[in-house]
Amino acid sequence: MGRYLLWNPAKVASHSGSAETYDELLQTEEEQNCSWSSMITTDDIEAIVIAIQNECDVDICYKEIPL
C-alpha cells in the first residue's frame, strides 16, 4: 500500500493560490494556513485518480508520501 496526497490545482487557483506542483501546493497551504489536499492510502493510485477525474470532470494531482 502507498500513501498519497491528492489535490485539485484548479480549485486552489480559484482561491488565489497556485498548486501546479507539489512544492507550489505546500507553499500555498502554508501561506493560506489551510489544507487544499487529501491524504489517502491505496494500492492503485491510478485507478483512484481516474475515477475522481471521470466522476468530477476535474484534473487531480498526486504525490506519493513515504510512510
N, C-alpha and C. Protein backbone atom coordinates (compact mmCIF):
# COMPACT_ATOMS: atom_id res chain seq x y z
N MET A 1 0.84 -1.19 0.00
CA MET A 1 0.00 0.00 0.00
C MET A 1 0.89 1.25 0.00
N GLY A 2 0.42 2.25 -0.68
CA GLY A 2 1.13 3.52 -0.71
C GLY A 2 0.28 4.61 -0.09
N ARG A 3 0.92 5.64 0.39
CA ARG A 3 0.23 6.80 0.95
C ARG A 3 0.44 7.97 0.00
N TYR A 4 -0.66 8.64 -0.36
CA TYR A 4 -0.61 9.68 -1.38
C TYR A 4 -1.35 10.93 -0.92
N LEU A 5 -0.87 12.07 -1.37
CA LEU A 5 -1.54 13.34 -1.18
C LEU A 5 -2.16 13.71 -2.52
N LEU A 6 -3.46 14.00 -2.53
CA LEU A 6 -4.17 14.36 -3.76
C LEU A 6 -4.68 15.79 -3.64
N TRP A 7 -4.71 16.50 -4.77
CA TRP A 7 -5.26 17.85 -4.78
C TRP A 7 -5.72 18.22 -6.17
N ASN A 8 -6.56 19.24 -6.22
CA ASN A 8 -7.12 19.77 -7.46
C ASN A 8 -6.51 21.16 -7.69
N PRO A 9 -5.57 21.28 -8.61
CA PRO A 9 -4.91 22.57 -8.83
C PRO A 9 -5.86 23.69 -9.25
N ALA A 10 -6.92 23.37 -9.98
CA ALA A 10 -7.87 24.40 -10.41
C ALA A 10 -8.63 24.97 -9.22
N LYS A 11 -8.97 24.13 -8.27
CA LYS A 11 -9.68 24.61 -7.07
C LYS A 11 -8.78 25.53 -6.27
N VAL A 12 -7.52 25.16 -6.11
CA VAL A 12 -6.57 26.01 -5.39
C VAL A 12 -6.44 27.35 -6.10
N ALA A 13 -6.33 27.33 -7.42
CA ALA A 13 -6.20 28.56 -8.20
C ALA A 13 -7.43 29.44 -8.06
N SER A 14 -8.60 28.84 -7.93
CA SER A 14 -9.83 29.64 -7.78
C SER A 14 -9.89 30.35 -6.44
N HIS A 15 -9.00 30.00 -5.54
CA HIS A 15 -8.92 30.65 -4.23
C HIS A 15 -7.58 31.38 -4.08
N SER A 16 -7.10 31.93 -5.19
CA SER A 16 -5.90 32.77 -5.23
C SER A 16 -4.62 32.04 -4.81
N GLY A 17 -4.54 30.76 -5.13
CA GLY A 17 -3.33 30.00 -4.83
C GLY A 17 -2.77 29.36 -6.07
N SER A 18 -1.63 28.73 -5.91
CA SER A 18 -1.01 28.01 -7.01
C SER A 18 -0.65 26.61 -6.52
N ALA A 19 -0.97 25.60 -7.33
CA ALA A 19 -0.68 24.22 -6.93
C ALA A 19 -0.46 23.32 -8.13
N GLU A 20 0.21 23.84 -9.13
CA GLU A 20 0.52 23.01 -10.30
C GLU A 20 1.55 21.93 -9.95
N THR A 21 2.34 22.19 -8.92
CA THR A 21 3.32 21.21 -8.46
C THR A 21 3.13 20.98 -6.96
N TYR A 22 3.73 19.93 -6.47
CA TYR A 22 3.67 19.62 -5.03
C TYR A 22 4.27 20.75 -4.21
N ASP A 23 5.40 21.29 -4.64
CA ASP A 23 6.03 22.39 -3.91
C ASP A 23 5.14 23.63 -3.86
N GLU A 24 4.48 23.94 -4.98
CA GLU A 24 3.56 25.07 -5.00
C GLU A 24 2.39 24.83 -4.06
N LEU A 25 1.88 23.60 -4.03
CA LEU A 25 0.79 23.26 -3.12
C LEU A 25 1.21 23.51 -1.68
N LEU A 26 2.38 23.00 -1.28
CA LEU A 26 2.84 23.19 0.09
C LEU A 26 3.00 24.67 0.43
N GLN A 27 3.53 25.44 -0.51
CA GLN A 27 3.71 26.87 -0.27
C GLN A 27 2.36 27.57 -0.10
N THR A 28 1.39 27.26 -0.96
CA THR A 28 0.07 27.87 -0.87
C THR A 28 -0.62 27.50 0.43
N GLU A 29 -0.54 26.22 0.80
CA GLU A 29 -1.18 25.80 2.06
C GLU A 29 -0.55 26.53 3.25
N GLU A 30 0.76 26.71 3.22
CA GLU A 30 1.42 27.43 4.31
C GLU A 30 1.01 28.90 4.32
N GLU A 31 1.01 29.54 3.16
CA GLU A 31 0.65 30.96 3.08
C GLU A 31 -0.79 31.21 3.47
N GLN A 32 -1.70 30.31 3.09
CA GLN A 32 -3.11 30.50 3.37
C GLN A 32 -3.55 29.84 4.68
N ASN A 33 -2.61 29.16 5.34
CA ASN A 33 -2.90 28.48 6.60
C ASN A 33 -4.13 27.58 6.49
N CYS A 34 -4.13 26.74 5.46
CA CYS A 34 -5.23 25.82 5.23
C CYS A 34 -4.73 24.60 4.47
N SER A 35 -5.60 23.65 4.27
CA SER A 35 -5.25 22.45 3.52
C SER A 35 -6.12 22.35 2.28
N TRP A 36 -5.47 22.22 1.13
CA TRP A 36 -6.18 22.02 -0.14
C TRP A 36 -6.00 20.59 -0.63
N SER A 37 -5.47 19.73 0.20
CA SER A 37 -5.13 18.38 -0.22
C SER A 37 -5.77 17.34 0.71
N SER A 38 -5.79 16.11 0.22
CA SER A 38 -6.32 14.98 1.00
C SER A 38 -5.32 13.85 0.95
N MET A 39 -5.16 13.17 2.07
CA MET A 39 -4.25 12.03 2.16
C MET A 39 -5.08 10.75 2.05
N ILE A 40 -4.62 9.84 1.18
CA ILE A 40 -5.26 8.53 1.07
C ILE A 40 -4.20 7.44 1.03
N THR A 41 -4.61 6.25 1.40
CA THR A 41 -3.75 5.07 1.31
C THR A 41 -4.41 4.09 0.36
N THR A 42 -3.67 3.64 -0.64
CA THR A 42 -4.22 2.75 -1.65
C THR A 42 -3.11 1.94 -2.30
N ASP A 43 -3.49 0.85 -2.93
CA ASP A 43 -2.51 0.08 -3.68
C ASP A 43 -2.65 0.34 -5.19
N ASP A 44 -3.59 1.23 -5.59
CA ASP A 44 -3.78 1.54 -7.00
C ASP A 44 -4.17 3.01 -7.17
N ILE A 45 -3.20 3.90 -7.04
CA ILE A 45 -3.47 5.34 -7.11
C ILE A 45 -4.02 5.75 -8.46
N GLU A 46 -3.53 5.13 -9.53
CA GLU A 46 -4.01 5.50 -10.87
C GLU A 46 -5.52 5.25 -11.00
N ALA A 47 -6.02 4.15 -10.47
CA ALA A 47 -7.45 3.86 -10.54
C ALA A 47 -8.25 4.90 -9.76
N ILE A 48 -7.75 5.32 -8.61
CA ILE A 48 -8.43 6.34 -7.80
C ILE A 48 -8.48 7.66 -8.56
N VAL A 49 -7.35 8.08 -9.10
CA VAL A 49 -7.28 9.35 -9.82
C VAL A 49 -8.20 9.32 -11.04
N ILE A 50 -8.19 8.24 -11.80
CA ILE A 50 -9.06 8.14 -12.97
C ILE A 50 -10.52 8.19 -12.56
N ALA A 51 -10.88 7.51 -11.49
CA ALA A 51 -12.27 7.52 -11.02
C ALA A 51 -12.71 8.93 -10.63
N ILE A 52 -11.86 9.65 -9.89
CA ILE A 52 -12.20 11.02 -9.49
C ILE A 52 -12.34 11.91 -10.73
N GLN A 53 -11.39 11.81 -11.64
CA GLN A 53 -11.42 12.65 -12.84
C GLN A 53 -12.65 12.33 -13.69
N ASN A 54 -13.01 11.06 -13.81
CA ASN A 54 -14.19 10.69 -14.61
C ASN A 54 -15.48 11.16 -13.97
N GLU A 55 -15.60 11.03 -12.67
CA GLU A 55 -16.84 11.39 -11.98
C GLU A 55 -17.00 12.88 -11.78
N CYS A 56 -15.89 13.59 -11.57
CA CYS A 56 -15.97 15.01 -11.22
C CYS A 56 -15.54 15.94 -12.35
N ASP A 57 -14.99 15.38 -13.42
CA ASP A 57 -14.53 16.17 -14.56
C ASP A 57 -13.53 17.26 -14.14
N VAL A 58 -12.57 16.87 -13.30
CA VAL A 58 -11.51 17.77 -12.86
C VAL A 58 -10.17 17.05 -12.96
N ASP A 59 -9.12 17.82 -13.07
CA ASP A 59 -7.78 17.24 -13.04
C ASP A 59 -7.33 17.09 -11.60
N ILE A 60 -6.71 15.99 -11.29
CA ILE A 60 -6.22 15.71 -9.94
C ILE A 60 -4.72 15.45 -10.03
N CYS A 61 -3.98 16.06 -9.13
CA CYS A 61 -2.56 15.80 -9.00
C CYS A 61 -2.34 14.94 -7.75
N TYR A 62 -1.24 14.21 -7.74
CA TYR A 62 -0.94 13.44 -6.55
C TYR A 62 0.56 13.29 -6.38
N LYS A 63 0.95 13.02 -5.16
CA LYS A 63 2.36 12.81 -4.81
C LYS A 63 2.42 11.71 -3.77
N GLU A 64 3.28 10.73 -4.00
CA GLU A 64 3.45 9.67 -3.01
C GLU A 64 4.22 10.23 -1.81
N ILE A 65 3.70 9.94 -0.63
CA ILE A 65 4.30 10.39 0.62
C ILE A 65 4.86 9.16 1.33
N PRO A 66 6.16 9.14 1.59
CA PRO A 66 6.73 7.96 2.26
C PRO A 66 6.10 7.72 3.62
N LEU A 67 5.95 6.44 3.95
CA LEU A 67 5.36 6.09 5.25
C LEU A 67 6.32 6.37 6.36
